[in-house]
C-alpha atoms as a PDB file:
ATOM      1  CA  MET A   1     170.891  60.266 196.840  1.00  0.00           C
ATOM      2  CA  ASN A   2     171.899  62.524 199.797  1.00  0.00           C
ATOM      3  CA  VAL A   3     171.851  61.601 203.610  1.00  0.00           C
ATOM      4  CA  THR A   4     169.998  63.941 205.630  1.00  0.00           C
ATOM      5  CA  GLY A   5     171.074  62.925 208.973  1.00  0.00           C
ATOM      6  CA  ALA A   6     174.453  65.227 208.871  1.00  0.00           C
ATOM      7  CA  PRO A   7     173.429  66.626 212.214  1.00  0.00           C
ATOM      8  CA  HIS A   8     173.605  63.271 214.046  1.00  0.00           C
ATOM      9  CA  GLU A   9     177.136  62.633 212.540  1.00  0.00           C
ATOM     10  CA  GLY A  10     178.759  63.515 215.847  1.00  0.00           C
ATOM     11  CA  LEU A  11     176.809  61.202 217.926  1.00  0.00           C
ATOM     12  CA  VAL A  12     177.660  58.453 215.509  1.00  0.00           C
ATOM     13  CA  GLN A  13     181.415  59.684 215.573  1.00  0.00           C
ATOM     14  CA  ASP A  14     181.294  59.464 219.441  1.00  0.00           C
ATOM     15  CA  GLN A  15     179.932  55.706 219.220  1.00  0.00           C
ATOM     16  CA  ALA A  16     182.332  54.916 216.478  1.00  0.00           C
ATOM     17  CA  MET A  17     185.368  56.104 218.747  1.00  0.00           C
ATOM     18  CA  ARG A  18     183.963  53.537 221.658  1.00  0.00           C
ATOM     19  CA  HIS A  19     183.693  50.481 218.959  1.00  0.00           C
ATOM     20  CA  SER A  20     186.274  51.129 216.360  1.00  0.00           C
ATOM     21  CA  GLY A  21     189.603  49.340 216.343  1.00  0.00           C
ATOM     22  CA  ILE A  22     191.182  51.892 214.374  1.00  0.00           C
ATOM     23  CA  ASP A  23     192.528  54.997 215.873  1.00  0.00           C
ATOM     24  CA  HIS A  24     193.415  58.648 214.637  1.00  0.00           C
ATOM     25  CA  ASP A  25     196.955  57.513 214.011  1.00  0.00           C
ATOM     26  CA  GLY A  26     195.666  54.617 212.068  1.00  0.00           C
ATOM     27  CA  LEU A  27     193.404  56.861 210.071  1.00  0.00           C
ATOM     28  CA  ASP A  28     196.318  59.077 209.580  1.00  0.00           C
ATOM     29  CA  LEU A  29     198.449  56.221 207.985  1.00  0.00           C
ATOM     30  CA  VAL A  30     195.718  55.133 206.089  1.00  0.00           C
ATOM     31  CA  THR A  31     195.148  58.891 204.652  1.00  0.00           C
ATOM     32  CA  ASP A  32     198.859  59.272 203.962  1.00  0.00           C
ATOM     33  CA  VAL A  33     199.263  55.915 202.118  1.00  0.00           C
ATOM     34  CA  THR A  34     196.009  56.204 200.052  1.00  0.00           C
ATOM     35  CA  THR A  35     196.895  59.765 199.051  1.00  0.00           C
ATOM     36  CA  ARG A  36     200.365  58.638 197.748  1.00  0.00           C
ATOM     37  CA  ILE A  37     198.796  55.937 195.786  1.00  0.00           C
ATOM     38  CA  ARG A  38     195.920  58.055 194.380  1.00  0.00           C
ATOM     39  CA  LEU A  39     198.356  60.831 193.186  1.00  0.00           C
ATOM     40  CA  ALA A  40     200.805  58.160 191.689  1.00  0.00           C
ATOM     41  CA  MET A  41     197.972  56.473 189.565  1.00  0.00           C
ATOM     42  CA  ALA A  42     196.738  59.985 188.511  1.00  0.00           C
ATOM     43  CA  THR A  43     199.977  60.717 186.819  1.00  0.00           C
ATOM     44  CA  VAL A  44     198.961  57.522 184.496  1.00  0.00           C
ATOM     45  CA  ILE A  45     195.169  57.712 184.463  1.00  0.00           C
ATOM     46  CA  GLU A  46     194.050  61.315 183.408  1.00  0.00           C
ATOM     47  CA  GLY A  47     190.525  62.691 184.636  1.00  0.00           C
ATOM     48  CA  LYS A  48     189.219  59.423 186.383  1.00  0.00           C
ATOM     49  CA  PRO A  49     189.463  60.302 190.172  1.00  0.00           C
ATOM     50  CA  ASP A  50     186.326  58.226 191.006  1.00  0.00           C
ATOM     51  CA  VAL A  51     187.633  55.287 189.233  1.00  0.00           C
ATOM     52  CA  ILE A  52     190.924  55.271 190.985  1.00  0.00           C
ATOM     53  CA  ASN A  53     189.018  55.802 194.342  1.00  0.00           C
ATOM     54  CA  THR A  54     186.997  53.003 194.011  1.00  0.00           C
ATOM     55  CA  ALA A  55     190.072  50.761 192.896  1.00  0.00           C
ATOM     56  CA  ILE A  56     191.947  51.886 196.072  1.00  0.00           C
ATOM     57  CA  THR A  57     188.703  51.015 198.101  1.00  0.00           C
ATOM     58  CA  VAL A  58     188.612  47.588 197.101  1.00  0.00           C
ATOM     59  CA  LEU A  59     192.361  47.197 197.760  1.00  0.00           C
ATOM     60  CA  LEU A  60     191.743  48.327 201.381  1.00  0.00           C
ATOM     61  CA  ALA A  61     188.728  45.883 201.764  1.00  0.00           C
ATOM     62  CA  GLU A  62     190.986  43.183 200.502  1.00  0.00           C
ATOM     63  CA  GLY A  63     188.632  42.433 197.558  1.00  0.00           C
ATOM     64  CA  HIS A  64     189.110  41.707 193.961  1.00  0.00           C
ATOM     65  CA  LEU A  65     188.297  44.264 191.073  1.00  0.00           C
ATOM     66  CA  LEU A  66     186.591  43.885 187.600  1.00  0.00           C
ATOM     67  CA  ILE A  67     187.345  46.578 185.199  1.00  0.00           C
ATOM     68  CA  GLU A  68     184.817  46.187 182.114  1.00  0.00           C
ATOM     69  CA  ASP A  69     185.042  48.563 179.188  1.00  0.00           C
ATOM     70  CA  VAL A  70     185.490  48.548 175.473  1.00  0.00           C
ATOM     71  CA  PRO A  71     188.928  48.239 174.289  1.00  0.00           C
ATOM     72  CA  GLY A  72     191.520  51.312 174.466  1.00  0.00           C
ATOM     73  CA  VAL A  73     189.972  53.311 177.345  1.00  0.00           C
ATOM     74  CA  GLY A  74     192.865  52.316 179.861  1.00  0.00           C
ATOM     75  CA  LYS A  75     191.486  49.064 181.574  1.00  0.00           C
ATOM     76  CA  THR A  76     194.994  47.496 181.743  1.00  0.00           C
ATOM     77  CA  MET A  77     196.683  50.909 182.386  1.00  0.00           C
ATOM     78  CA  LEU A  78     194.813  51.335 185.579  1.00  0.00           C
ATOM     79  CA  ALA A  79     195.491  47.682 186.684  1.00  0.00           C
ATOM     80  CA  LYS A  80     198.979  47.986 186.152  1.00  0.00           C
ATOM     81  CA  ALA A  81     199.210  51.377 187.585  1.00  0.00           C
ATOM     82  CA  LEU A  82     197.596  50.116 190.786  1.00  0.00           C
ATOM     83  CA  ALA A  83     199.872  47.154 190.920  1.00  0.00           C
ATOM     84  CA  LYS A  84     202.849  49.122 190.223  1.00  0.00           C
ATOM     85  CA  SER A  85     202.353  51.850 192.968  1.00  0.00           C
ATOM     86  CA  ILE A  86     202.927  49.059 195.423  1.00  0.00           C
ATOM     87  CA  ASP A  87     206.216  47.591 195.991  1.00  0.00           C
ATOM     88  CA  CYS A  88     205.247  43.754 196.135  1.00  0.00           C
ATOM     89  CA  SER A  89     205.030  40.946 193.598  1.00  0.00           C
ATOM     90  CA  VAL A  90     203.164  41.451 190.578  1.00  0.00           C
ATOM     91  CA  ARG A  91     202.170  38.902 187.717  1.00  0.00           C
ATOM     92  CA  ARG A  92     200.405  39.723 184.621  1.00  0.00           C
ATOM     93  CA  VAL A  93     198.371  36.977 182.847  1.00  0.00           C
ATOM     94  CA  GLN A  94     197.068  37.707 179.103  1.00  0.00           C
ATOM     95  CA  PHE A  95     193.888  35.409 179.209  1.00  0.00           C
ATOM     96  CA  THR A  96     193.411  33.876 175.694  1.00  0.00           C
ATOM     97  CA  PRO A  97     191.406  30.842 174.481  1.00  0.00           C
ATOM     98  CA  ASP A  98     194.350  28.356 174.746  1.00  0.00           C
ATOM     99  CA  LEU A  99     195.310  29.318 178.387  1.00  0.00           C
ATOM    100  CA  LEU A 100     195.162  26.444 180.603  1.00  0.00           C
ATOM    101  CA  PRO A 101     193.830  26.397 184.308  1.00  0.00           C
ATOM    102  CA  SER A 102     197.304  24.985 185.370  1.00  0.00           C
ATOM    103  CA  ASP A 103     199.044  28.010 183.838  1.00  0.00           C
ATOM    104  CA  ILE A 104     197.319  29.882 186.500  1.00  0.00           C
ATOM    105  CA  THR A 105     197.149  27.644 189.477  1.00  0.00           C
ATOM    106  CA  GLY A 106     200.510  25.764 188.923  1.00  0.00           C
ATOM    107  CA  VAL A 107     201.335  22.322 188.132  1.00  0.00           C
ATOM    108  CA  SER A 108     203.292  19.271 189.599  1.00  0.00           C
ATOM    109  CA  VAL A 109     206.050  18.162 187.895  1.00  0.00           C
ATOM    110  CA  PHE A 110     208.111  14.684 188.299  1.00  0.00           C
ATOM    111  CA  ASN A 111     211.789  15.622 189.484  1.00  0.00           C
ATOM    112  CA  GLN A 112     214.146  12.956 188.116  1.00  0.00           C
ATOM    113  CA  ASP A 113     216.872  14.060 190.751  1.00  0.00           C
ATOM    114  CA  LEU A 114     214.258  13.891 193.716  1.00  0.00           C
ATOM    115  CA  ARG A 115     212.336  10.963 192.181  1.00  0.00           C
ATOM    116  CA  ASP A 116     209.354  12.613 193.462  1.00  0.00           C
ATOM    117  CA  PHE A 117     206.680  15.384 192.321  1.00  0.00           C
ATOM    118  CA  GLU A 118     207.376  19.084 193.073  1.00  0.00           C
ATOM    119  CA  PHE A 119     205.078  21.853 192.695  1.00  0.00           C
ATOM    120  CA  ARG A 120     205.718  24.706 190.266  1.00  0.00           C
ATOM    121  CA  PRO A 121     203.672  27.835 191.272  1.00  0.00           C
ATOM    122  CA  GLY A 122     201.412  29.424 188.604  1.00  0.00           C
ATOM    123  CA  ALA A 123     200.870  32.900 187.782  1.00  0.00           C
ATOM    124  CA  ILE A 124     198.383  33.230 190.825  1.00  0.00           C
ATOM    125  CA  PHE A 125     201.217  33.204 193.222  1.00  0.00           C
ATOM    126  CA  ALA A 126     201.716  36.853 193.737  1.00  0.00           C
ATOM    127  CA  ASN A 127     200.494  39.620 195.834  1.00  0.00           C
ATOM    128  CA  VAL A 128     198.815  41.646 192.722  1.00  0.00           C
ATOM    129  CA  VAL A 129     197.690  39.632 189.745  1.00  0.00           C
ATOM    130  CA  VAL A 130     196.564  41.404 186.697  1.00  0.00           C
ATOM    131  CA  GLY A 131     194.337  39.367 184.498  1.00  0.00           C
ATOM    132  CA  ASP A 132     194.151  40.976 181.165  1.00  0.00           C
ATOM    133  CA  GLU A 133     190.937  40.361 179.061  1.00  0.00           C
ATOM    134  CA  ILE A 134     189.777  37.548 181.514  1.00  0.00           C
ATOM    135  CA  ASN A 135     186.575  36.822 179.421  1.00  0.00           C
ATOM    136  CA  ARG A 136     188.534  35.600 176.458  1.00  0.00           C
ATOM    137  CA  ALA A 137     189.802  32.440 178.144  1.00  0.00           C
ATOM    138  CA  SER A 138     187.477  29.459 178.339  1.00  0.00           C
ATOM    139  CA  PRO A 139     184.899  28.775 181.266  1.00  0.00           C
ATOM    140  CA  LYS A 140     187.079  25.919 182.528  1.00  0.00           C
ATOM    141  CA  THR A 141     189.946  28.327 182.876  1.00  0.00           C
ATOM    142  CA  GLN A 142     188.211  31.155 184.381  1.00  0.00           C
ATOM    143  CA  SER A 143     186.804  28.744 187.134  1.00  0.00           C
ATOM    144  CA  ALA A 144     190.475  28.091 187.987  1.00  0.00           C
ATOM    145  CA  LEU A 145     190.187  31.522 189.837  1.00  0.00           C
ATOM    146  CA  LEU A 146     187.223  30.582 192.124  1.00  0.00           C
ATOM    147  CA  GLU A 147     189.169  28.757 194.933  1.00  0.00           C
ATOM    148  CA  CYS A 148     192.167  31.329 194.583  1.00  0.00           C
ATOM    149  CA  MET A 149     189.846  34.578 194.863  1.00  0.00           C
ATOM    150  CA  GLU A 150     187.627  33.247 197.412  1.00  0.00           C
ATOM    151  CA  GLU A 151     190.039  31.332 200.124  1.00  0.00           C
ATOM    152  CA  GLY A 152     193.272  32.670 199.327  1.00  0.00           C
ATOM    153  CA  GLN A 153     194.657  29.335 198.268  1.00  0.00           C
ATOM    154  CA  VAL A 154     195.153  26.781 195.611  1.00  0.00           C
ATOM    155  CA  THR A 155     194.660  23.031 195.655  1.00  0.00           C
ATOM    156  CA  VAL A 156     196.800  20.953 193.261  1.00  0.00           C
ATOM    157  CA  ASP A 157     196.734  17.269 193.112  1.00  0.00           C
ATOM    158  CA  GLY A 158     195.035  17.240 196.774  1.00  0.00           C
ATOM    159  CA  VAL A 159     197.784  19.485 198.157  1.00  0.00           C
ATOM    160  CA  THR A 160     196.684  22.949 199.513  1.00  0.00           C
ATOM    161  CA  HIS A 161     199.075  25.829 198.878  1.00  0.00           C
ATOM    162  CA  GLU A 162     198.486  29.095 200.716  1.00  0.00           C
ATOM    163  CA  LEU A 163     198.888  32.425 198.560  1.00  0.00           C
ATOM    164  CA  ARG A 164     200.548  35.531 199.637  1.00  0.00           C
ATOM    165  CA  ARG A 165     198.683  38.302 201.559  1.00  0.00           C
ATOM    166  CA  PRO A 166     197.902  40.847 200.660  1.00  0.00           C
ATOM    167  CA  PHE A 167     196.232  39.235 197.486  1.00  0.00           C
ATOM    168  CA  LEU A 168     194.475  41.276 194.905  1.00  0.00           C
ATOM    169  CA  VAL A 169     193.064  40.273 191.493  1.00  0.00           C
ATOM    170  CA  VAL A 170     192.407  43.182 189.240  1.00  0.00           C
ATOM    171  CA  ALA A 171     190.879  41.588 186.069  1.00  0.00           C
ATOM    172  CA  THR A 172     189.870  43.331 182.788  1.00  0.00           C
ATOM    173  CA  GLN A 173     187.222  42.483 180.322  1.00  0.00           C
ATOM    174  CA  ASN A 174     185.654  43.430 177.113  1.00  0.00           C
ATOM    175  CA  PRO A 175     181.718  43.828 177.127  1.00  0.00           C
ATOM    176  CA  ILE A 176     180.345  40.162 176.457  1.00  0.00           C
ATOM    177  CA  GLU A 177     178.936  41.274 172.944  1.00  0.00           C
ATOM    178  CA  MET A 178     182.725  41.935 171.700  1.00  0.00           C
ATOM    179  CA  GLU A 179     183.999  39.101 169.271  1.00  0.00           C
ATOM    180  CA  GLY A 180     185.667  36.167 170.935  1.00  0.00           C
ATOM    181  CA  THR A 181     184.498  36.513 174.446  1.00  0.00           C
ATOM    182  CA  TYR A 182     183.282  34.203 177.009  1.00  0.00           C
ATOM    183  CA  PRO A 183     180.567  35.387 179.552  1.00  0.00           C
ATOM    184  CA  LEU A 184     181.968  35.095 183.038  1.00  0.00           C
ATOM    185  CA  PRO A 185     179.973  32.373 185.096  1.00  0.00           C
ATOM    186  CA  GLU A 186     177.918  33.951 187.752  1.00  0.00           C
ATOM    187  CA  ALA A 187     179.875  32.104 190.521  1.00  0.00           C
ATOM    188  CA  GLN A 188     183.017  33.865 189.019  1.00  0.00           C
ATOM    189  CA  ARG A 189     181.292  37.395 188.742  1.00  0.00           C
ATOM    190  CA  ASP A 190     180.399  36.944 192.501  1.00  0.00           C
ATOM    191  CA  ARG A 191     183.875  36.730 193.595  1.00  0.00           C
ATOM    192  CA  PHE A 192     184.648  40.230 192.222  1.00  0.00           C
ATOM    193  CA  MET A 193     184.094  42.805 195.018  1.00  0.00           C
ATOM    194  CA  ALA A 194     183.444  45.483 192.545  1.00  0.00           C
ATOM    195  CA  ARG A 195     182.827  45.986 188.968  1.00  0.00           C
ATOM    196  CA  ILE A 196     183.882  49.522 187.229  1.00  0.00           C
ATOM    197  CA  SER A 197     183.924  51.166 183.909  1.00  0.00           C
ATOM    198  CA  MET A 198     186.675  53.390 182.907  1.00  0.00           C
ATOM    199  CA  GLY A 199     184.190  55.272 180.241  1.00  0.00           C
ATOM    200  CA  TYR A 200     185.601  57.628 177.461  1.00  0.00           C
ATOM    201  CA  PRO A 201     187.656  60.566 178.816  1.00  0.00           C
ATOM    202  CA  SER A 202     186.474  64.139 178.796  1.00  0.00           C
ATOM    203  CA  THR A 203     187.839  66.217 175.903  1.00  0.00           C
ATOM    204  CA  ALA A 204     190.292  67.820 178.060  1.00  0.00           C
ATOM    205  CA  ALA A 205     191.236  64.886 179.691  1.00  0.00           C
ATOM    206  CA  GLU A 206     191.873  63.090 176.397  1.00  0.00           C
ATOM    207  CA  VAL A 207     194.067  66.104 175.214  1.00  0.00           C
ATOM    208  CA  ALA A 208     195.997  65.755 178.345  1.00  0.00           C
ATOM    209  CA  VAL A 209     196.566  62.009 177.532  1.00  0.00           C
ATOM    210  CA  LEU A 210     197.873  62.993 173.946  1.00  0.00           C
ATOM    211  CA  ASP A 211     200.401  65.253 175.844  1.00  0.00           C
ATOM    212  CA  SER A 212     201.360  62.827 178.629  1.00  0.00           C
ATOM    213  CA  HIS A 213     201.278  59.717 176.716  1.00  0.00           C
ATOM    214  CA  GLY A 214     202.299  60.924 173.218  1.00  0.00           C
ATOM    215  CA  GLY A 215     205.948  61.111 173.512  1.00  0.00           C
ATOM    216  CA  ALA A 216     206.720  59.374 176.913  1.00  0.00           C
ATOM    217  CA  PHE A 217     205.516  56.372 178.884  1.00  0.00           C
ATOM    218  CA  PRO A 218     204.380  57.275 182.234  1.00  0.00           C
ATOM    219  CA  LEU A 219     203.762  53.967 183.502  1.00  0.00           C
ATOM    220  CA  GLN A 220     207.562  53.276 183.094  1.00  0.00           C
ATOM    221  CA  GLU A 221     208.241  56.199 185.276  1.00  0.00           C
ATOM    222  CA  LEU A 222     205.796  55.472 188.224  1.00  0.00           C
ATOM    223  CA  SER A 223     207.905  54.253 191.238  1.00  0.00           C
ATOM    224  CA  PRO A 224     206.237  52.318 194.178  1.00  0.00           C
ATOM    225  CA  VAL A 225     205.003  54.364 196.820  1.00  0.00           C
ATOM    226  CA  THR A 226     204.083  51.748 199.459  1.00  0.00           C
ATOM    227  CA  ASP A 227     204.805  48.189 199.783  1.00  0.00           C
ATOM    228  CA  GLY A 228     202.806  45.004 200.486  1.00  0.00           C
ATOM    229  CA  GLU A 229     203.386  44.981 204.058  1.00  0.00           C
ATOM    230  CA  THR A 230     202.105  48.393 204.764  1.00  0.00           C
ATOM    231  CA  VAL A 231     198.843  47.430 202.527  1.00  0.00           C
ATOM    232  CA  ALA A 232     198.493  44.376 204.504  1.00  0.00           C
ATOM    233  CA  LYS A 233     198.458  46.580 207.815  1.00  0.00           C
ATOM    234  CA  LEU A 234     195.875  49.095 206.382  1.00  0.00           C
ATOM    235  CA  ILE A 235     193.675  46.097 205.469  1.00  0.00           C
ATOM    236  CA  GLU A 236     193.671  44.675 209.089  1.00  0.00           C
ATOM    237  CA  MET A 237     192.938  48.275 210.474  1.00  0.00           C
ATOM    238  CA  VAL A 238     190.070  48.839 207.919  1.00  0.00           C
ATOM    239  CA  ARG A 239     188.607  45.441 209.045  1.00  0.00           C
ATOM    240  CA  THR A 240     187.952  46.885 212.451  1.00  0.00           C
ATOM    241  CA  LEU A 241     186.101  50.041 211.352  1.00  0.00           C
ATOM    242  CA  TYR A 242     182.890  50.688 213.039  1.00  0.00           C
ATOM    243  CA  ALA A 243     179.742  49.945 211.214  1.00  0.00           C
ATOM    244  CA  SER A 244     176.499  50.283 213.361  1.00  0.00           C
ATOM    245  CA  PRO A 245     173.883  47.534 213.610  1.00  0.00           C
ATOM    246  CA  ALA A 246     171.490  50.085 211.524  1.00  0.00           C
ATOM    247  CA  ILE A 247     174.169  50.258 208.773  1.00  0.00           C
ATOM    248  CA  LYS A 248     174.372  46.410 208.599  1.00  0.00           C
ATOM    249  CA  GLN A 249     170.668  46.276 208.501  1.00  0.00           C
ATOM    250  CA  TYR A 250     170.468  48.866 205.703  1.00  0.00           C
ATOM    251  CA  ILE A 251     173.006  46.703 203.678  1.00  0.00           C
ATOM    252  CA  VAL A 252     170.807  43.486 204.026  1.00  0.00           C
ATOM    253  CA  ASP A 253     167.707  45.591 203.121  1.00  0.00           C
ATOM    254  CA  LEU A 254     169.567  46.607 199.990  1.00  0.00           C
ATOM    255  CA  THR A 255     170.655  43.204 199.014  1.00  0.00           C
ATOM    256  CA  LYS A 256     167.185  41.484 199.975  1.00  0.00           C
ATOM    257  CA  ALA A 257     165.413  44.053 197.770  1.00  0.00           C
ATOM    258  CA  THR A 258     167.365  42.997 194.601  1.00  0.00           C
ATOM    259  CA  ARG A 259     165.960  39.346 195.409  1.00  0.00           C
ATOM    260  CA  VAL A 260     162.309  40.298 195.309  1.00  0.00           C
ATOM    261  CA  ALA A 261     162.301  43.060 192.679  1.00  0.00           C
ATOM    262  CA  THR A 262     160.562  42.137 189.494  1.00  0.00           C
ATOM    263  CA  ALA A 263     163.071  43.680 187.251  1.00  0.00           C
ATOM    264  CA  LEU A 264     165.685  41.153 188.290  1.00  0.00           C
ATOM    265  CA  ARG A 265     165.831  37.418 187.575  1.00  0.00           C
ATOM    266  CA  LEU A 266     168.713  36.922 190.078  1.00  0.00           C
ATOM    267  CA  GLY A 267     169.301  39.115 193.109  1.00  0.00           C
ATOM    268  CA  ALA A 268     172.349  39.765 195.098  1.00  0.00           C
ATOM    269  CA  SER A 269     173.924  36.877 197.291  1.00  0.00           C
ATOM    270  CA  PRO A 270     174.767  37.172 200.980  1.00  0.00           C
ATOM    271  CA  ARG A 271     178.279  37.139 199.892  1.00  0.00           C
ATOM    272  CA  ALA A 272     177.254  40.650 198.177  1.00  0.00           C
ATOM    273  CA  SER A 273     175.997  41.881 201.508  1.00  0.00           C
ATOM    274  CA  LEU A 274     179.327  41.056 202.963  1.00  0.00           C
ATOM    275  CA  HIS A 275     181.429  42.644 200.206  1.00  0.00           C
ATOM    276  CA  LEU A 276     179.222  45.717 200.365  1.00  0.00           C
ATOM    277  CA  LEU A 277     179.927  46.070 204.256  1.00  0.00           C
ATOM    278  CA  ARG A 278     183.880  45.415 203.602  1.00  0.00           C
ATOM    279  CA  ALA A 279     183.903  48.170 200.700  1.00  0.00           C
ATOM    280  CA  SER A 280     182.084  50.396 202.867  1.00  0.00           C
ATOM    281  CA  ARG A 281     184.238  50.334 205.577  1.00  0.00           C
ATOM    282  CA  GLY A 282     187.275  50.701 202.897  1.00  0.00           C
ATOM    283  CA  TYR A 283     185.432  53.732 201.535  1.00  0.00           C
ATOM    284  CA  ALA A 284     184.902  55.300 204.873  1.00  0.00           C
ATOM    285  CA  ALA A 285     188.540  54.897 205.859  1.00  0.00           C
ATOM    286  CA  LEU A 286     189.390  56.562 202.507  1.00  0.00           C
ATOM    287  CA  ALA A 287     187.413  59.494 203.514  1.00  0.00           C
ATOM    288  CA  GLY A 288     189.237  59.887 206.873  1.00  0.00           C
ATOM    289  CA  ARG A 289     186.402  58.489 209.056  1.00  0.00           C
ATOM    290  CA  ASP A 290     186.493  55.714 211.518  1.00  0.00           C
ATOM    291  CA  HIS A 291     182.743  54.926 210.945  1.00  0.00           C
ATOM    292  CA  VAL A 292     180.384  53.894 208.100  1.00  0.00           C
ATOM    293  CA  LEU A 293     177.798  56.197 207.041  1.00  0.00           C
ATOM    294  CA  PRO A 294     174.873  55.416 204.742  1.00  0.00           C
ATOM    295  CA  ASP A 295     176.367  57.644 201.997  1.00  0.00           C
ATOM    296  CA  ASP A 296     179.463  55.387 202.081  1.00  0.00           C
ATOM    297  CA  VAL A 297     177.094  52.390 201.244  1.00  0.00           C
ATOM    298  CA  GLN A 298     175.060  54.146 198.667  1.00  0.00           C
ATOM    299  CA  ALA A 299     178.228  55.298 196.784  1.00  0.00           C
ATOM    300  CA  LEU A 300     179.243  51.729 196.277  1.00  0.00           C
ATOM    301  CA  VAL A 301     175.823  49.781 196.144  1.00  0.00           C
ATOM    302  CA  GLU A 302     176.344  50.063 192.032  1.00  0.00           C
ATOM    303  CA  PRO A 303     179.833  48.795 191.762  1.00  0.00           C
ATOM    304  CA  VAL A 304     179.252  46.241 194.282  1.00  0.00           C
ATOM    305  CA  LEU A 305     176.016  44.823 193.247  1.00  0.00           C
ATOM    306  CA  ALA A 306     175.279  45.496 189.625  1.00  0.00           C
ATOM    307  CA  HIS A 307     177.446  42.839 188.141  1.00  0.00           C
ATOM    308  CA  ARG A 308     175.923  39.884 190.299  1.00  0.00           C
ATOM    309  CA  VAL A 309     172.430  40.502 189.411  1.00  0.00           C
ATOM    310  CA  ILE A 310     170.920  39.143 186.260  1.00  0.00           C
ATOM    311  CA  PRO A 311     167.886  41.253 184.545  1.00  0.00           C
ATOM    312  CA  SER A 312     164.591  39.765 183.685  1.00  0.00           C
ATOM    313  CA  GLY A 313     163.397  39.384 180.428  1.00  0.00           C
ATOM    314  CA  GLU A 314     161.264  42.456 180.515  1.00  0.00           C
ATOM    315  CA  THR A 315     164.080  44.573 181.524  1.00  0.00           C
ATOM    316  CA  GLN A 316     166.194  43.418 178.654  1.00  0.00           C
ATOM    317  CA  VAL A 317     163.450  44.072 176.267  1.00  0.00           C
ATOM    318  CA  ALA A 318     162.869  47.457 177.800  1.00  0.00           C
ATOM    319  CA  ARG A 319     166.770  48.002 177.433  1.00  0.00           C
ATOM    320  CA  ARG A 320     167.050  49.104 180.976  1.00  0.00           C
ATOM    321  CA  THR A 321     170.444  48.245 182.640  1.00  0.00           C
ATOM    322  CA  CYS A 322     171.123  46.653 186.051  1.00  0.00           C
ATOM    323  CA  ALA A 323     172.553  49.580 187.340  1.00  0.00           C
ATOM    324  CA  GLU A 324     169.424  51.724 186.584  1.00  0.00           C
ATOM    325  CA  VAL A 325     167.488  48.984 188.388  1.00  0.00           C
ATOM    326  CA  ILE A 326     169.987  49.051 191.391  1.00  0.00           C
ATOM    327  CA  HIS A 327     169.751  52.956 191.630  1.00  0.00           C
ATOM    328  CA  GLU A 328     165.651  52.691 191.809  1.00  0.00           C
ATOM    329  CA  ILE A 329     166.097  50.208 194.635  1.00  0.00           C
ATOM    330  CA  VAL A 330     168.348  52.522 196.545  1.00  0.00           C
ATOM    331  CA  GLU A 331     165.891  55.344 195.963  1.00  0.00           C
ATOM    332  CA  ARG A 332     162.997  53.023 197.379  1.00  0.00           C
ATOM    333  CA  VAL A 333     164.727  51.445 200.370  1.00  0.00           C
ATOM    334  CA  PRO A 334     164.365  53.509 203.464  1.00  0.00           C
ATOM    335  CA  ILE A 335     167.495  54.320 205.555  1.00  0.00           C
ATOM    336  CA  PRO A 336     167.006  53.180 209.254  1.00  0.00           C
ATOM    337  CA  SER A 337     166.886  56.406 211.453  1.00  0.00           C
ATOM    338  CA  SER A 338     169.421  55.325 213.663  1.00  0.00           C
ATOM    339  CA  ALA A 339     172.019  54.785 210.717  1.00  0.00           C
ATOM    340  CA  HIS A 340     172.150  58.615 209.879  1.00  0.00           C
END
């Protein structure tokens, strides 16, 4: 859906300069760093620029990313490429049915020398956590991530431990109809800012994969192009990017529309509204703008909302997807005139 208010963009930009906490130097830094990350990831992930952009948007918005698709299309490769492009602590967790919550969060162990319990951190204590096949673990283990992802902390035996920042969980999962999978609980899905699918590559891109990956390992050759401290600085700047009251109203109108849509049994939560705003700011910064446009919101509605909603029985019988329902809502909800 195209925004027809382009002539008013100059006015919005003037307003943004007065309200936004990010200046031209800050935007230049965002552009420089994200371009380097994008180019680095593109050496590993062939022909998927939109997927890479969404992943970087979630990084800038300090969210968490869920990558869902069938095996063998590069889900784990994308997660690893994003993690390796940043010089920071990275941990990979292979989710299996016998994985315990303490393997993720950590455990208190009695130290004979100290005659006291000491905390041994789990895999979640890293800047970037790659969770491979998250829906192969039991619901109890999946739930261990709830506090970590929402509050950036872990509580073990009544003691709270802060996680390092930036903190990003990039999880992959197979479609729920695949053998040996447990569907993610609604509360867990709601913690992920966005869900994306890799999709099969085009013919040309698949041939390029055979050329680049057939006799070499591009991921091993990928070197960090930025560090965690710089990423944390970008996140703080993006938080202050200007979003007008009309943009915020538009976001709320979209999420409220999912709650009353007859095609959906469960609509998007207020957390979804907040995530859509933060992601839209990241998307605008990625485009080199210091203000959010309706185009930014519309580009992210599907990846941010579709995994949070539950279709009605009639929608399932008609074999309509949640993404299709979200697209119809975007077409139906009017854009506030002052948001152009």
